[in-house]
Amino acid sequence: MRFEQVIFWQVNPSPHQAPWIRALAERTPALRITGVFQAELSKSRLELGWSPPDYGETSVMIAPEESTIRQLLASDPEKTVHICTG
């Protein structure tokens, strides 16, 4: 079976994980890469000097509506990998 889509489910955008997710999107153009985040970076992280990470060609969604989440979960389930972290 060949996967066509990878969806990352995370709490917040992470400068620690963004580089490898960005690299995956850049090095595997045949894959659709999506990052779904519950919220933007928190105020406390921004105050620590964090800045919004660069996900490159990755499609990024921040706090999507429930209908969008359901669509993502139902989209090509046999050809989609879901990675949940955080």
PDB file of N, CA and C in Angstrom:
ATOM      1  N   MET A   1       0.837  -1.174   0.000  1.00  0.00           N
ATOM      2  CA  MET A   1       0.000   0.000   0.000  1.00  0.00           C
ATOM      3  C   MET A   1       0.887   1.244   0.000  1.00  0.00           C
ATOM      4  N   ARG A   2       0.477   2.213  -0.743  1.00  0.00           N
ATOM      5  CA  ARG A   2       1.238   3.454  -0.825  1.00  0.00           C
ATOM      6  C   ARG A   2       0.467   4.577  -0.122  1.00  0.00           C
ATOM      7  N   PHE A   3       1.140   5.249   0.797  1.00  0.00           N
ATOM      8  CA  PHE A   3       0.526   6.366   1.498  1.00  0.00           C
ATOM      9  C   PHE A   3       0.643   7.625   0.653  1.00  0.00           C
ATOM     10  N   GLU A   4      -0.382   8.460   0.731  1.00  0.00           N
ATOM     11  CA  GLU A   4      -0.396   9.698  -0.033  1.00  0.00           C
ATOM     12  C   GLU A   4      -0.453  10.933   0.861  1.00  0.00           C
ATOM     13  N   GLN A   5      -0.755  10.722   2.137  1.00  0.00           N
ATOM     14  CA  GLN A   5      -0.960  11.852   3.029  1.00  0.00           C
ATOM     15  C   GLN A   5      -0.469  11.513   4.444  1.00  0.00           C
ATOM     16  N   VAL A   6       0.167  12.493   5.081  1.00  0.00           N
ATOM     17  CA  VAL A   6       0.566  12.363   6.479  1.00  0.00           C
ATOM     18  C   VAL A   6       0.004  13.570   7.209  1.00  0.00           C
ATOM     19  N   ILE A   7      -0.712  13.313   8.298  1.00  0.00           N
ATOM     20  CA  ILE A   7      -1.292  14.387   9.099  1.00  0.00           C
ATOM     21  C   ILE A   7      -0.695  14.317  10.499  1.00  0.00           C
ATOM     22  N   PHE A   8      -0.089  15.420  10.912  1.00  0.00           N
ATOM     23  CA  PHE A   8       0.476  15.538  12.252  1.00  0.00           C
ATOM     24  C   PHE A   8      -0.522  16.284  13.124  1.00  0.00           C
ATOM     25  N   TRP A   9      -0.869  15.702  14.258  1.00  0.00           N
ATOM     26  CA  TRP A   9      -1.796  16.309  15.218  1.00  0.00           C
ATOM     27  C   TRP A   9      -0.974  16.714  16.439  1.00  0.00           C
ATOM     28  N   GLN A  10      -0.919  18.019  16.712  1.00  0.00           N
ATOM     29  CA  GLN A  10      -0.115  18.504  17.828  1.00  0.00           C
ATOM     30  C   GLN A  10      -0.875  19.593  18.586  1.00  0.00           C
ATOM     31  N   VAL A  11      -0.436  19.842  19.795  1.00  0.00           N
ATOM     32  CA  VAL A  11      -1.063  20.871  20.614  1.00  0.00           C
ATOM     33  C   VAL A  11      -0.743  22.253  20.059  1.00  0.00           C
ATOM     34  N   ASN A  12       0.549  22.549  19.900  1.00  0.00           N
ATOM     35  CA  ASN A  12       0.996  23.853  19.417  1.00  0.00           C
ATOM     36  C   ASN A  12       2.069  23.661  18.357  1.00  0.00           C
ATOM     37  N   PRO A  13       2.252  24.643  17.475  1.00  0.00           N
ATOM     38  CA  PRO A  13       3.386  24.573  16.563  1.00  0.00           C
ATOM     39  C   PRO A  13       4.681  24.490  17.373  1.00  0.00           C
ATOM     40  N   SER A  14       5.576  23.638  16.942  1.00  0.00           N
ATOM     41  CA  SER A  14       6.790  23.386  17.723  1.00  0.00           C
ATOM     42  C   SER A  14       8.050  23.644  16.907  1.00  0.00           C
ATOM     43  N   PRO A  15       8.912  24.544  17.376  1.00  0.00           N
ATOM     44  CA  PRO A  15      10.180  24.738  16.678  1.00  0.00           C
ATOM     45  C   PRO A  15      11.092  23.517  16.775  1.00  0.00           C
ATOM     46  N   HIS A  16      10.755  22.595  17.668  1.00  0.00           N
ATOM     47  CA  HIS A  16      11.561  21.380  17.825  1.00  0.00           C
ATOM     48  C   HIS A  16      11.199  20.321  16.783  1.00  0.00           C
ATOM     49  N   GLN A  17       9.963  20.318  16.338  1.00  0.00           N
ATOM     50  CA  GLN A  17       9.527  19.315  15.374  1.00  0.00           C
ATOM     51  C   GLN A  17       9.389  19.865  13.962  1.00  0.00           C
ATOM     52  N   ALA A  18       9.301  21.171  13.830  1.00  0.00           N
ATOM     53  CA  ALA A  18       9.098  21.779  12.517  1.00  0.00           C
ATOM     54  C   ALA A  18      10.175  21.408  11.490  1.00  0.00           C
ATOM     55  N   PRO A  19      11.470  21.369  11.863  1.00  0.00           N
ATOM     56  CA  PRO A  19      12.485  21.073  10.843  1.00  0.00           C
ATOM     57  C   PRO A  19      12.297  19.723  10.154  1.00  0.00           C
ATOM     58  N   TRP A  20      11.978  18.691  10.907  1.00  0.00           N
ATOM     59  CA  TRP A  20      11.848  17.384  10.247  1.00  0.00           C
ATOM     60  C   TRP A  20      10.528  17.258   9.502  1.00  0.00           C
ATOM     61  N   ILE A  21       9.473  17.939   9.979  1.00  0.00           N
ATOM     62  CA  ILE A  21       8.210  17.935   9.240  1.00  0.00           C
ATOM     63  C   ILE A  21       8.389  18.714   7.931  1.00  0.00           C
ATOM     64  N   ARG A  22       9.075  19.862   7.990  1.00  0.00           N
ATOM     65  CA  ARG A  22       9.368  20.649   6.800  1.00  0.00           C
ATOM     66  C   ARG A  22      10.208  19.822   5.821  1.00  0.00           C
ATOM     67  N   ALA A  23      11.222  19.128   6.324  1.00  0.00           N
ATOM     68  CA  ALA A  23      12.079  18.305   5.465  1.00  0.00           C
ATOM     69  C   ALA A  23      11.283  17.182   4.815  1.00  0.00           C
ATOM     70  N   LEU A  24      10.374  16.570   5.546  1.00  0.00           N
ATOM     71  CA  LEU A  24       9.535  15.514   4.979  1.00  0.00           C
ATOM     72  C   LEU A  24       8.716  16.072   3.819  1.00  0.00           C
ATOM     73  N   ALA A  25       8.128  17.255   3.998  1.00  0.00           N
ATOM     74  CA  ALA A  25       7.340  17.874   2.934  1.00  0.00           C
ATOM     75  C   ALA A  25       8.205  18.213   1.725  1.00  0.00           C
ATOM     76  N   GLU A  26       9.422  18.687   1.965  1.00  0.00           N
ATOM     77  CA  GLU A  26      10.310  19.077   0.867  1.00  0.00           C
ATOM     78  C   GLU A  26      10.861  17.874   0.119  1.00  0.00           C
ATOM     79  N   ARG A  27      11.144  16.796   0.839  1.00  0.00           N
ATOM     80  CA  ARG A  27      11.804  15.639   0.227  1.00  0.00           C
ATOM     81  C   ARG A  27      10.849  14.597  -0.333  1.00  0.00           C
ATOM     82  N   THR A  28       9.589  14.731  -0.019  1.00  0.00           N
ATOM     83  CA  THR A  28       8.601  13.775  -0.525  1.00  0.00           C
ATOM     84  C   THR A  28       7.423  14.542  -1.118  1.00  0.00           C
ATOM     85  N   PRO A  29       7.644  15.216  -2.252  1.00  0.00           N
ATOM     86  CA  PRO A  29       6.586  16.058  -2.821  1.00  0.00           C
ATOM     87  C   PRO A  29       5.326  15.286  -3.211  1.00  0.00           C
ATOM     88  N   ALA A  30       5.430  13.979  -3.365  1.00  0.00           N
ATOM     89  CA  ALA A  30       4.240  13.198  -3.704  1.00  0.00           C
ATOM     90  C   ALA A  30       3.296  13.056  -2.511  1.00  0.00           C
ATOM     91  N   LEU A  31       3.809  13.277  -1.293  1.00  0.00           N
ATOM     92  CA  LEU A  31       2.980  13.200  -0.090  1.00  0.00           C
ATOM     93  C   LEU A  31       2.370  14.553   0.234  1.00  0.00           C
ATOM     94  N   ARG A  32       1.113  14.539   0.633  1.00  0.00           N
ATOM     95  CA  ARG A  32       0.495  15.747   1.186  1.00  0.00           C
ATOM     96  C   ARG A  32       0.775  15.723   2.686  1.00  0.00           C
ATOM     97  N   ILE A  33       1.432  16.759   3.195  1.00  0.00           N
ATOM     98  CA  ILE A  33       1.775  16.834   4.610  1.00  0.00           C
ATOM     99  C   ILE A  33       0.944  17.953   5.233  1.00  0.00           C
ATOM    100  N   THR A  34       0.280  17.629   6.333  1.00  0.00           N
ATOM    101  CA  THR A  34      -0.561  18.604   7.025  1.00  0.00           C
ATOM    102  C   THR A  34      -0.217  18.598   8.509  1.00  0.00           C
ATOM    103  N   GLY A  35      -0.130  19.785   9.083  1.00  0.00           N
ATOM    104  CA  GLY A  35       0.049  19.937  10.525  1.00  0.00           C
ATOM    105  C   GLY A  35      -1.211  20.561  11.100  1.00  0.00           C
ATOM    106  N   VAL A  36      -1.815  19.876  12.050  1.00  0.00           N
ATOM    107  CA  VAL A  36      -3.034  20.374  12.690  1.00  0.00           C
ATOM    108  C   VAL A  36      -2.706  20.672  14.147  1.00  0.00           C
ATOM    109  N   PHE A  37      -2.943  21.905  14.555  1.00  0.00           N
ATOM    110  CA  PHE A  37      -2.578  22.360  15.894  1.00  0.00           C
ATOM    111  C   PHE A  37      -3.809  22.886  16.625  1.00  0.00           C
ATOM    112  N   GLN A  38      -3.883  22.599  17.911  1.00  0.00           N
ATOM    113  CA  GLN A  38      -5.019  23.061  18.714  1.00  0.00           C
ATOM    114  C   GLN A  38      -5.018  24.575  18.875  1.00  0.00           C
ATOM    115  N   ALA A  39      -3.825  25.173  18.930  1.00  0.00           N
ATOM    116  CA  ALA A  39      -3.730  26.615  19.168  1.00  0.00           C
ATOM    117  C   ALA A  39      -2.392  27.141  18.669  1.00  0.00           C
ATOM    118  N   GLU A  40      -2.293  28.455  18.553  1.00  0.00           N
ATOM    119  CA  GLU A  40      -1.036  29.120  18.232  1.00  0.00           C
ATOM    120  C   GLU A  40      -0.067  28.905  19.398  1.00  0.00           C
ATOM    121  N   LEU A  41       1.150  29.336  19.218  1.00  0.00           N
ATOM    122  CA  LEU A  41       2.094  29.309  20.333  1.00  0.00           C
ATOM    123  C   LEU A  41       1.531  30.120  21.491  1.00  0.00           C
ATOM    124  N   SER A  42       1.725  29.631  22.684  1.00  0.00           N
ATOM    125  CA  SER A  42       1.209  30.326  23.862  1.00  0.00           C
ATOM    126  C   SER A  42       1.991  31.606  24.128  1.00  0.00           C
ATOM    127  N   LYS A  43       1.352  32.502  24.847  1.00  0.00           N
ATOM    128  CA  LYS A  43       2.000  33.762  25.216  1.00  0.00           C
ATOM    129  C   LYS A  43       3.287  33.498  26.007  1.00  0.00           C
ATOM    130  N   SER A  44       3.247  32.504  26.875  1.00  0.00           N
ATOM    131  CA  SER A  44       4.443  32.210  27.682  1.00  0.00           C
ATOM    132  C   SER A  44       5.608  31.745  26.809  1.00  0.00           C
ATOM    133  N   ARG A  45       5.334  30.981  25.763  1.00  0.00           N
ATOM    134  CA  ARG A  45       6.402  30.538  24.852  1.00  0.00           C
ATOM    135  C   ARG A  45       6.949  31.731  24.068  1.00  0.00           C
ATOM    136  N   LEU A  46       6.053  32.597  23.615  1.00  0.00           N
ATOM    137  CA  LEU A  46       6.495  33.784  22.884  1.00  0.00           C
ATOM    138  C   LEU A  46       7.361  34.669  23.773  1.00  0.00           C
ATOM    139  N   GLU A  47       6.985  34.773  25.043  1.00  0.00           N
ATOM    140  CA  GLU A  47       7.770  35.574  25.987  1.00  0.00           C
ATOM    141  C   GLU A  47       9.149  34.965  26.239  1.00  0.00           C
ATOM    142  N   LEU A  48       9.288  33.665  26.026  1.00  0.00           N
ATOM    143  CA  LEU A  48      10.585  33.003  26.151  1.00  0.00           C
ATOM    144  C   LEU A  48      11.459  33.213  24.917  1.00  0.00           C
ATOM    145  N   GLY A  49      10.896  33.863  23.910  1.00  0.00           N
ATOM    146  CA  GLY A  49      11.656  34.128  22.702  1.00  0.00           C
ATOM    147  C   GLY A  49      11.357  33.189  21.548  1.00  0.00           C
ATOM    148  N   TRP A  50      10.401  32.277  21.731  1.00  0.00           N
ATOM    149  CA  TRP A  50      10.036  31.390  20.638  1.00  0.00           C
ATOM    150  C   TRP A  50       9.362  32.220  19.553  1.00  0.00           C
ATOM    151  N   SER A  51       9.500  31.797  18.322  1.00  0.00           N
ATOM    152  CA  SER A  51       8.771  32.425  17.230  1.00  0.00           C
ATOM    153  C   SER A  51       8.053  31.324  16.458  1.00  0.00           C
ATOM    154  N   PRO A  52       7.003  31.701  15.746  1.00  0.00           N
ATOM    155  CA  PRO A  52       6.275  30.668  14.991  1.00  0.00           C
ATOM    156  C   PRO A  52       7.224  29.935  14.047  1.00  0.00           C
ATOM    157  N   PRO A  53       7.217  28.600  14.085  1.00  0.00           N
ATOM    158  CA  PRO A  53       8.152  27.831  13.269  1.00  0.00           C
ATOM    159  C   PRO A  53       7.782  27.829  11.792  1.00  0.00           C
ATOM    160  N   ASP A  54       8.776  27.544  10.980  1.00  0.00           N
ATOM    161  CA  ASP A  54       8.611  27.451   9.535  1.00  0.00           C
ATOM    162  C   ASP A  54       8.369  25.992   9.164  1.00  0.00           C
ATOM    163  N   TYR A  55       7.180  25.710   8.660  1.00  0.00           N
ATOM    164  CA  TYR A  55       6.845  24.353   8.237  1.00  0.00           C
ATOM    165  C   TYR A  55       6.978  24.168   6.726  1.00  0.00           C
ATOM    166  N   GLY A  56       7.511  25.164   6.039  1.00  0.00           N
ATOM    167  CA  GLY A  56       7.739  25.037   4.604  1.00  0.00           C
ATOM    168  C   GLY A  56       6.467  24.770   3.831  1.00  0.00           C
ATOM    169  N   GLU A  57       6.501  23.717   3.017  1.00  0.00           N
ATOM    170  CA  GLU A  57       5.376  23.375   2.147  1.00  0.00           C
ATOM    171  C   GLU A  57       4.233  22.647   2.871  1.00  0.00           C
ATOM    172  N   THR A  58       4.408  22.423   4.149  1.00  0.00           N
ATOM    173  CA  THR A  58       3.374  21.745   4.936  1.00  0.00           C
ATOM    174  C   THR A  58       2.137  22.623   5.045  1.00  0.00           C
ATOM    175  N   SER A  59       0.992  22.039   4.854  1.00  0.00           N
ATOM    176  CA  SER A  59      -0.271  22.754   5.076  1.00  0.00           C
ATOM    177  C   SER A  59      -0.491  22.832   6.583  1.00  0.00           C
ATOM    178  N   VAL A  60      -0.690  24.032   7.106  1.00  0.00           N
ATOM    179  CA  VAL A  60      -0.829  24.231   8.551  1.00  0.00           C
ATOM    180  C   VAL A  60      -2.235  24.704   8.874  1.00  0.00           C
ATOM    181  N   MET A  61      -2.832  24.061   9.858  1.00  0.00           N
ATOM    182  CA  MET A  61      -4.161  24.447  10.336  1.00  0.00           C
ATOM    183  C   MET A  61      -4.076  24.707  11.830  1.00  0.00           C
ATOM    184  N   ILE A  62      -4.583  25.854  12.249  1.00  0.00           N
ATOM    185  CA  ILE A  62      -4.599  26.203  13.666  1.00  0.00           C
ATOM    186  C   ILE A  62      -6.053  26.220  14.123  1.00  0.00           C
ATOM    187  N   ALA A  63      -6.352  25.429  15.136  1.00  0.00           N
ATOM    188  CA  ALA A  63      -7.689  25.359  15.731  1.00  0.00           C
ATOM    189  C   ALA A  63      -8.788  25.216  14.684  1.00  0.00           C
ATOM    190  N   PRO A  64      -8.708  24.168  13.858  1.00  0.00           N
ATOM    191  CA  PRO A  64      -9.748  23.992  12.845  1.00  0.00           C
ATOM    192  C   PRO A  64     -11.094  23.650  13.485  1.00  0.00           C
ATOM    193  N   GLU A  65     -12.130  23.947  12.757  1.00  0.00           N
ATOM    194  CA  GLU A  65     -13.481  23.623  13.229  1.00  0.00           C
ATOM    195  C   GLU A  65     -13.666  22.107  13.238  1.00  0.00           C
ATOM    196  N   GLU A  66     -14.618  21.665  14.018  1.00  0.00           N
ATOM    197  CA  GLU A  66     -14.864  20.224  14.135  1.00  0.00           C
ATOM    198  C   GLU A  66     -15.181  19.593  12.784  1.00  0.00           C
ATOM    199  N   SER A  67     -15.903  20.290  11.924  1.00  0.00           N
ATOM    200  CA  SER A  67     -16.226  19.731  10.608  1.00  0.00           C
ATOM    201  C   SER A  67     -14.961  19.501   9.782  1.00  0.00           C
ATOM    202  N   THR A  68     -13.988  20.387   9.903  1.00  0.00           N
ATOM    203  CA  THR A  68     -12.715  20.219   9.192  1.00  0.00           C
ATOM    204  C   THR A  68     -11.956  19.026   9.749  1.00  0.00           C
ATOM    205  N   ILE A  69     -11.962  18.877  11.059  1.00  0.00           N
ATOM    206  CA  ILE A  69     -11.302  17.729  11.699  1.00  0.00           C
ATOM    207  C   ILE A  69     -11.922  16.430  11.209  1.00  0.00           C
ATOM    208  N   ARG A  70     -13.239  16.386  11.165  1.00  0.00           N
ATOM    209  CA  ARG A  70     -13.924  15.170  10.684  1.00  0.00           C
ATOM    210  C   ARG A  70     -13.561  14.862   9.233  1.00  0.00           C
ATOM    211  N   GLN A  71     -13.450  15.908   8.408  1.00  0.00           N
ATOM    212  CA  GLN A  71     -13.051  15.708   7.012  1.00  0.00           C
ATOM    213  C   GLN A  71     -11.644  15.134   6.926  1.00  0.00           C
ATOM    214  N   LEU A  72     -10.737  15.663   7.725  1.00  0.00           N
ATOM    215  CA  LEU A  72      -9.366  15.152   7.725  1.00  0.00           C
ATOM    216  C   LEU A  72      -9.315  13.689   8.153  1.00  0.00           C
ATOM    217  N   LEU A  73     -10.093  13.349   9.165  1.00  0.00           N
ATOM    218  CA  LEU A  73     -10.104  11.967   9.653  1.00  0.00           C
ATOM    219  C   LEU A  73     -10.702  11.005   8.632  1.00  0.00           C
ATOM    220  N   ALA A  74     -11.624  11.487   7.821  1.00  0.00           N
ATOM    221  CA  ALA A  74     -12.294  10.627   6.842  1.00  0.00           C
ATOM    222  C   ALA A  74     -11.599  10.616   5.483  1.00  0.00           C
ATOM    223  N   SER A  75     -10.652  11.507   5.269  1.00  0.00           N
ATOM    224  CA  SER A  75     -10.004  11.662   3.973  1.00  0.00           C
ATOM    225  C   SER A  75      -9.051  10.507   3.672  1.00  0.00           C
ATOM    226  N   ASP A  76      -9.393   9.687   2.694  1.00  0.00           N
ATOM    227  CA  ASP A  76      -8.543   8.574   2.261  1.00  0.00           C
ATOM    228  C   ASP A  76      -7.935   7.790   3.422  1.00  0.00           C
ATOM    229  N   PRO A  77      -8.732   7.179   4.285  1.00  0.00           N
ATOM    230  CA  PRO A  77      -8.171   6.505   5.456  1.00  0.00           C
ATOM    231  C   PRO A  77      -7.172   5.395   5.126  1.00  0.00           C
ATOM    232  N   GLU A  78      -7.312   4.759   3.975  1.00  0.00           N
ATOM    233  CA  GLU A  78      -6.369   3.704   3.620  1.00  0.00           C
ATOM    234  C   GLU A  78      -5.032   4.257   3.143  1.00  0.00           C
ATOM    235  N   LYS A  79      -4.998   5.542   2.767  1.00  0.00           N
ATOM    236  CA  LYS A  79      -3.786   6.133   2.223  1.00  0.00           C
ATOM    237  C   LYS A  79      -3.242   7.266   3.084  1.00  0.00           C
ATOM    238  N   THR A  80      -3.735   7.353   4.322  1.00  0.00           N
ATOM    239  CA  THR A  80      -3.331   8.443   5.215  1.00  0.00           C
ATOM    240  C   THR A  80      -2.711   7.893   6.483  1.00  0.00           C
ATOM    241  N   VAL A  81      -1.620   8.524   6.918  1.00  0.00           N
ATOM    242  CA  VAL A  81      -0.981   8.204   8.182  1.00  0.00           C
ATOM    243  C   VAL A  81      -1.237   9.379   9.115  1.00  0.00           C
ATOM    244  N   HIS A  82      -1.747   9.098  10.313  1.00  0.00           N
ATOM    245  CA  HIS A  82      -1.990  10.117  11.331  1.00  0.00           C
ATOM    246  C   HIS A  82      -0.934   9.942  12.433  1.00  0.00           C
ATOM    247  N   ILE A  83      -0.231  11.021  12.745  1.00  0.00           N
ATOM    248  CA  ILE A  83       0.783  10.984  13.794  1.00  0.00           C
ATOM    249  C   ILE A  83       0.363  11.980  14.874  1.00  0.00           C
ATOM    250  N   CYS A  84       0.111  11.456  16.064  1.00  0.00           N
ATOM    251  CA  CYS A  84      -0.348  12.283  17.175  1.00  0.00           C
ATOM    252  C   CYS A  84       0.787  12.439  18.185  1.00  0.00           C
ATOM    253  N   THR A  85       1.081  13.691  18.554  1.00  0.00           N
ATOM    254  CA  THR A  85       2.125  13.954  19.534  1.00  0.00           C
ATOM    255  C   THR A  85       1.654  14.998  20.528  1.00  0.00           C
ATOM    256  N   GLY A  86       2.406  15.106  21.605  1.00  0.00           N
ATOM    257  CA  GLY A  86       2.135  16.150  22.586  1.00  0.00           C
ATOM    258  C   GLY A  86       1.089  15.768  23.560  1.00  0.00           C
TER     259      GLY A  86
END
